[in-house]
């Protein structure tokens, strides 16, 4: 049985993943997205903005952005993140 069909995992399996090493210039803006996004910062830092709130995502931290939440983020120019 495929993960997408099992009652325990049908909403929990990843649709995609990526790895961005020392990602100088990496940035994303989403007004709307139709899936949940989990970002784990391995090294460096990046700026995250969600509505009026903003802060840095640093090495060892992770953030979960729920479906439909407008956001933008960018790797720090002086200390680019690896996510």
N, C-alpha and C. Protein backbone atom coordinates (compact mmCIF):
# COMPACT_ATOMS: atom_id res chain seq x y z
N UNK A 1 0.85 -1.18 0.00
CA UNK A 1 0.00 0.00 0.00
C UNK A 1 0.89 1.24 0.00
N UNK A 2 0.53 2.21 -0.78
CA UNK A 2 1.27 3.47 -0.89
C UNK A 2 0.94 4.37 0.31
N UNK A 3 1.91 5.19 0.76
CA UNK A 3 1.70 6.12 1.87
C UNK A 3 0.47 7.00 1.68
N UNK A 4 0.21 7.40 0.44
CA UNK A 4 -0.91 8.31 0.18
C UNK A 4 -2.27 7.63 0.38
N UNK A 5 -2.28 6.32 0.49
CA UNK A 5 -3.53 5.59 0.64
C UNK A 5 -3.77 5.06 2.05
N UNK A 6 -2.75 5.07 2.89
CA UNK A 6 -2.88 4.53 4.24
C UNK A 6 -3.44 5.59 5.17
N UNK A 7 -4.38 5.21 6.03
CA UNK A 7 -5.06 6.16 6.91
C UNK A 7 -4.09 6.91 7.84
N UNK A 8 -3.01 6.28 8.25
CA UNK A 8 -2.06 6.92 9.17
C UNK A 8 -1.07 7.86 8.48
N UNK A 9 -0.88 7.69 7.19
CA UNK A 9 0.14 8.49 6.50
C UNK A 9 -0.38 9.29 5.31
N UNK A 10 -1.65 9.22 5.01
CA UNK A 10 -2.16 9.85 3.79
C UNK A 10 -1.94 11.36 3.75
N UNK A 11 -1.83 12.01 4.91
CA UNK A 11 -1.58 13.46 4.94
C UNK A 11 -0.19 13.81 5.45
N UNK A 12 0.69 12.82 5.58
CA UNK A 12 1.98 13.06 6.21
C UNK A 12 3.20 12.79 5.33
N UNK A 13 3.03 12.31 4.15
CA UNK A 13 4.20 11.98 3.36
C UNK A 13 4.69 13.20 2.57
N UNK A 14 6.00 13.32 2.38
CA UNK A 14 6.55 14.47 1.66
C UNK A 14 6.23 14.46 0.18
N UNK A 15 5.93 15.63 -0.35
CA UNK A 15 5.68 15.78 -1.78
C UNK A 15 6.95 16.20 -2.51
N UNK A 16 7.88 16.79 -1.78
CA UNK A 16 9.13 17.23 -2.37
C UNK A 16 10.11 17.59 -1.28
N UNK A 17 11.37 17.64 -1.62
CA UNK A 17 12.38 18.07 -0.67
C UNK A 17 13.53 18.68 -1.44
N UNK A 18 14.32 19.43 -0.73
CA UNK A 18 15.45 20.07 -1.36
C UNK A 18 16.57 20.28 -0.37
N UNK A 19 17.75 20.55 -0.87
CA UNK A 19 18.92 20.83 -0.05
C UNK A 19 19.64 22.00 -0.70
N UNK A 20 19.81 23.06 0.05
CA UNK A 20 20.46 24.26 -0.45
C UNK A 20 21.69 24.53 0.41
N UNK A 21 22.87 24.23 -0.08
CA UNK A 21 24.11 24.39 0.66
C UNK A 21 24.68 25.79 0.47
N UNK A 22 24.97 26.47 1.60
CA UNK A 22 25.53 27.82 1.57
C UNK A 22 24.85 28.64 0.49
N UNK A 23 23.54 28.75 0.57
CA UNK A 23 22.67 29.25 -0.49
C UNK A 23 22.63 30.77 -0.57
N UNK A 24 23.74 31.36 -0.94
CA UNK A 24 23.83 32.80 -1.11
C UNK A 24 22.84 33.24 -2.19
N UNK A 25 21.98 34.20 -1.87
CA UNK A 25 21.01 34.71 -2.82
C UNK A 25 19.71 33.92 -2.88
N UNK A 26 19.60 32.85 -2.11
CA UNK A 26 18.38 32.04 -2.11
C UNK A 26 17.25 32.81 -1.43
N UNK A 27 16.13 32.97 -2.12
CA UNK A 27 14.99 33.71 -1.57
C UNK A 27 13.70 33.18 -2.19
N UNK A 28 12.60 33.32 -1.45
CA UNK A 28 11.31 32.85 -1.93
C UNK A 28 10.22 33.73 -1.35
N UNK A 29 9.23 34.05 -2.17
CA UNK A 29 8.03 34.76 -1.72
C UNK A 29 6.83 33.97 -2.19
N UNK A 30 5.93 33.68 -1.26
CA UNK A 30 4.70 32.96 -1.59
C UNK A 30 3.52 33.69 -0.99
N UNK A 31 2.61 34.08 -1.82
CA UNK A 31 1.35 34.67 -1.34
C UNK A 31 0.40 33.57 -0.89
N UNK A 32 0.51 32.41 -1.54
CA UNK A 32 -0.31 31.25 -1.18
C UNK A 32 0.43 30.00 -1.62
N UNK A 33 0.37 28.98 -0.80
CA UNK A 33 0.88 27.68 -1.20
C UNK A 33 -0.06 26.61 -0.65
N UNK A 34 -0.17 25.51 -1.36
CA UNK A 34 -1.19 24.53 -1.01
C UNK A 34 -0.66 23.31 -0.27
N UNK A 35 0.52 23.44 0.32
CA UNK A 35 1.03 22.36 1.16
C UNK A 35 1.74 22.95 2.37
N UNK A 36 2.08 22.11 3.32
CA UNK A 36 2.82 22.54 4.49
C UNK A 36 4.30 22.54 4.13
N UNK A 37 5.05 23.47 4.68
CA UNK A 37 6.48 23.58 4.37
C UNK A 37 7.27 23.52 5.67
N UNK A 38 8.23 22.63 5.72
CA UNK A 38 9.12 22.49 6.87
C UNK A 38 10.52 22.89 6.41
N UNK A 39 11.11 23.85 7.09
CA UNK A 39 12.47 24.29 6.76
C UNK A 39 13.35 24.05 7.97
N UNK A 40 14.44 23.32 7.78
CA UNK A 40 15.42 23.08 8.84
C UNK A 40 16.73 23.73 8.41
N UNK A 41 17.24 24.60 9.27
CA UNK A 41 18.50 25.30 8.99
C UNK A 41 19.65 24.53 9.62
N UNK A 42 20.56 24.06 8.78
CA UNK A 42 21.70 23.27 9.22
C UNK A 42 22.86 24.19 9.62
N UNK A 43 23.01 25.27 8.87
CA UNK A 43 24.17 26.15 9.04
C UNK A 43 23.80 27.55 8.56
N UNK A 44 24.43 28.58 9.10
CA UNK A 44 24.17 29.95 8.67
C UNK A 44 22.85 30.47 9.21
N UNK A 45 22.24 31.41 8.47
CA UNK A 45 20.95 31.96 8.89
C UNK A 45 20.24 32.60 7.71
N UNK A 46 18.95 32.83 7.91
CA UNK A 46 18.14 33.49 6.90
C UNK A 46 17.02 34.26 7.56
N UNK A 47 16.50 35.26 6.87
CA UNK A 47 15.41 36.08 7.39
C UNK A 47 14.08 35.50 6.92
N UNK A 48 13.15 35.37 7.86
CA UNK A 48 11.82 34.84 7.58
C UNK A 48 10.80 35.90 7.94
N UNK A 49 9.85 36.16 7.03
CA UNK A 49 8.77 37.12 7.27
C UNK A 49 7.44 36.41 7.06
N UNK A 50 6.58 36.53 8.07
CA UNK A 50 5.23 35.98 8.00
C UNK A 50 4.30 37.08 8.50
N UNK A 51 3.54 37.68 7.58
CA UNK A 51 2.70 38.82 7.96
C UNK A 51 3.57 39.93 8.50
N UNK A 52 3.18 40.53 9.63
CA UNK A 52 3.98 41.61 10.20
C UNK A 52 5.18 41.11 11.01
N UNK A 53 5.26 39.80 11.22
CA UNK A 53 6.34 39.24 12.03
C UNK A 53 7.54 38.89 11.16
N UNK A 54 8.72 39.11 11.73
CA UNK A 54 9.95 38.77 11.04
C UNK A 54 11.00 38.36 12.05
N UNK A 55 11.87 37.49 11.62
CA UNK A 55 12.94 37.02 12.49
C UNK A 55 13.90 36.16 11.72
N UNK A 56 15.00 35.79 12.37
CA UNK A 56 16.01 34.97 11.73
C UNK A 56 15.80 33.50 12.06
N UNK A 57 16.00 32.67 11.06
CA UNK A 57 16.06 31.23 11.24
C UNK A 57 17.55 30.89 11.23
N UNK A 58 18.03 30.30 12.33
CA UNK A 58 19.46 30.06 12.50
C UNK A 58 19.76 28.57 12.55
N UNK A 59 21.05 28.24 12.47
CA UNK A 59 21.50 26.85 12.51
C UNK A 59 20.89 26.12 13.71
N UNK A 60 20.35 24.94 13.45
CA UNK A 60 19.74 24.13 14.50
C UNK A 60 18.27 24.40 14.72
N UNK A 61 17.71 25.38 14.03
CA UNK A 61 16.29 25.70 14.18
C UNK A 61 15.50 25.21 12.98
N UNK A 62 14.22 25.00 13.22
CA UNK A 62 13.33 24.66 12.13
C UNK A 62 12.04 25.42 12.28
N UNK A 63 11.33 25.54 11.17
CA UNK A 63 10.05 26.25 11.16
C UNK A 63 9.08 25.46 10.29
N UNK A 64 7.84 25.42 10.71
CA UNK A 64 6.77 24.81 9.93
C UNK A 64 5.84 25.92 9.48
N UNK A 65 5.67 26.06 8.18
CA UNK A 65 4.77 27.05 7.61
C UNK A 65 3.54 26.32 7.10
N UNK A 66 2.39 26.52 7.74
CA UNK A 66 1.18 25.80 7.35
C UNK A 66 0.68 26.20 5.96
N UNK A 67 -0.05 25.31 5.37
CA UNK A 67 -0.67 25.53 4.06
C UNK A 67 -1.45 26.84 4.07
N UNK A 68 -1.28 27.62 3.00
CA UNK A 68 -2.05 28.85 2.83
C UNK A 68 -1.47 30.08 3.51
N UNK A 69 -0.41 29.94 4.29
CA UNK A 69 0.17 31.07 5.01
C UNK A 69 1.15 31.84 4.11
N UNK A 70 0.84 33.09 3.81
CA UNK A 70 1.74 33.91 3.00
C UNK A 70 3.05 34.14 3.77
N UNK A 71 4.17 34.08 3.07
CA UNK A 71 5.46 34.24 3.73
C UNK A 71 6.53 34.57 2.69
N UNK A 72 7.65 35.04 3.20
CA UNK A 72 8.85 35.13 2.37
C UNK A 72 10.07 34.90 3.24
N UNK A 73 11.12 34.43 2.60
CA UNK A 73 12.35 34.17 3.32
C UNK A 73 13.53 34.37 2.38
N UNK A 74 14.69 34.61 2.99
CA UNK A 74 15.89 34.84 2.19
C UNK A 74 17.12 34.48 3.01
N UNK A 75 18.08 33.90 2.36
CA UNK A 75 19.35 33.57 2.98
C UNK A 75 20.10 34.86 3.33
N UNK A 76 20.77 34.87 4.46
CA UNK A 76 21.55 36.03 4.89
C UNK A 76 22.77 36.22 3.99
N UNK A 77 23.03 37.44 3.58
CA UNK A 77 24.15 37.73 2.68
C UNK A 77 25.50 37.50 3.35
N UNK A 78 25.63 37.79 4.65
CA UNK A 78 26.90 37.66 5.35
C UNK A 78 27.14 36.23 5.85
N UNK A 79 26.05 35.48 6.13
CA UNK A 79 26.15 34.13 6.67
C UNK A 79 25.07 33.27 6.02
N UNK A 80 25.21 32.95 4.73
CA UNK A 80 24.16 32.25 4.00
C UNK A 80 23.83 30.89 4.61
N UNK A 81 22.55 30.61 4.64
CA UNK A 81 22.12 29.36 5.26
C UNK A 81 22.33 28.15 4.37
N UNK A 82 22.36 27.02 5.06
CA UNK A 82 22.25 25.71 4.43
C UNK A 82 20.98 25.12 5.00
N UNK A 83 20.00 24.89 4.13
CA UNK A 83 18.72 24.35 4.57
C UNK A 83 18.39 23.08 3.81
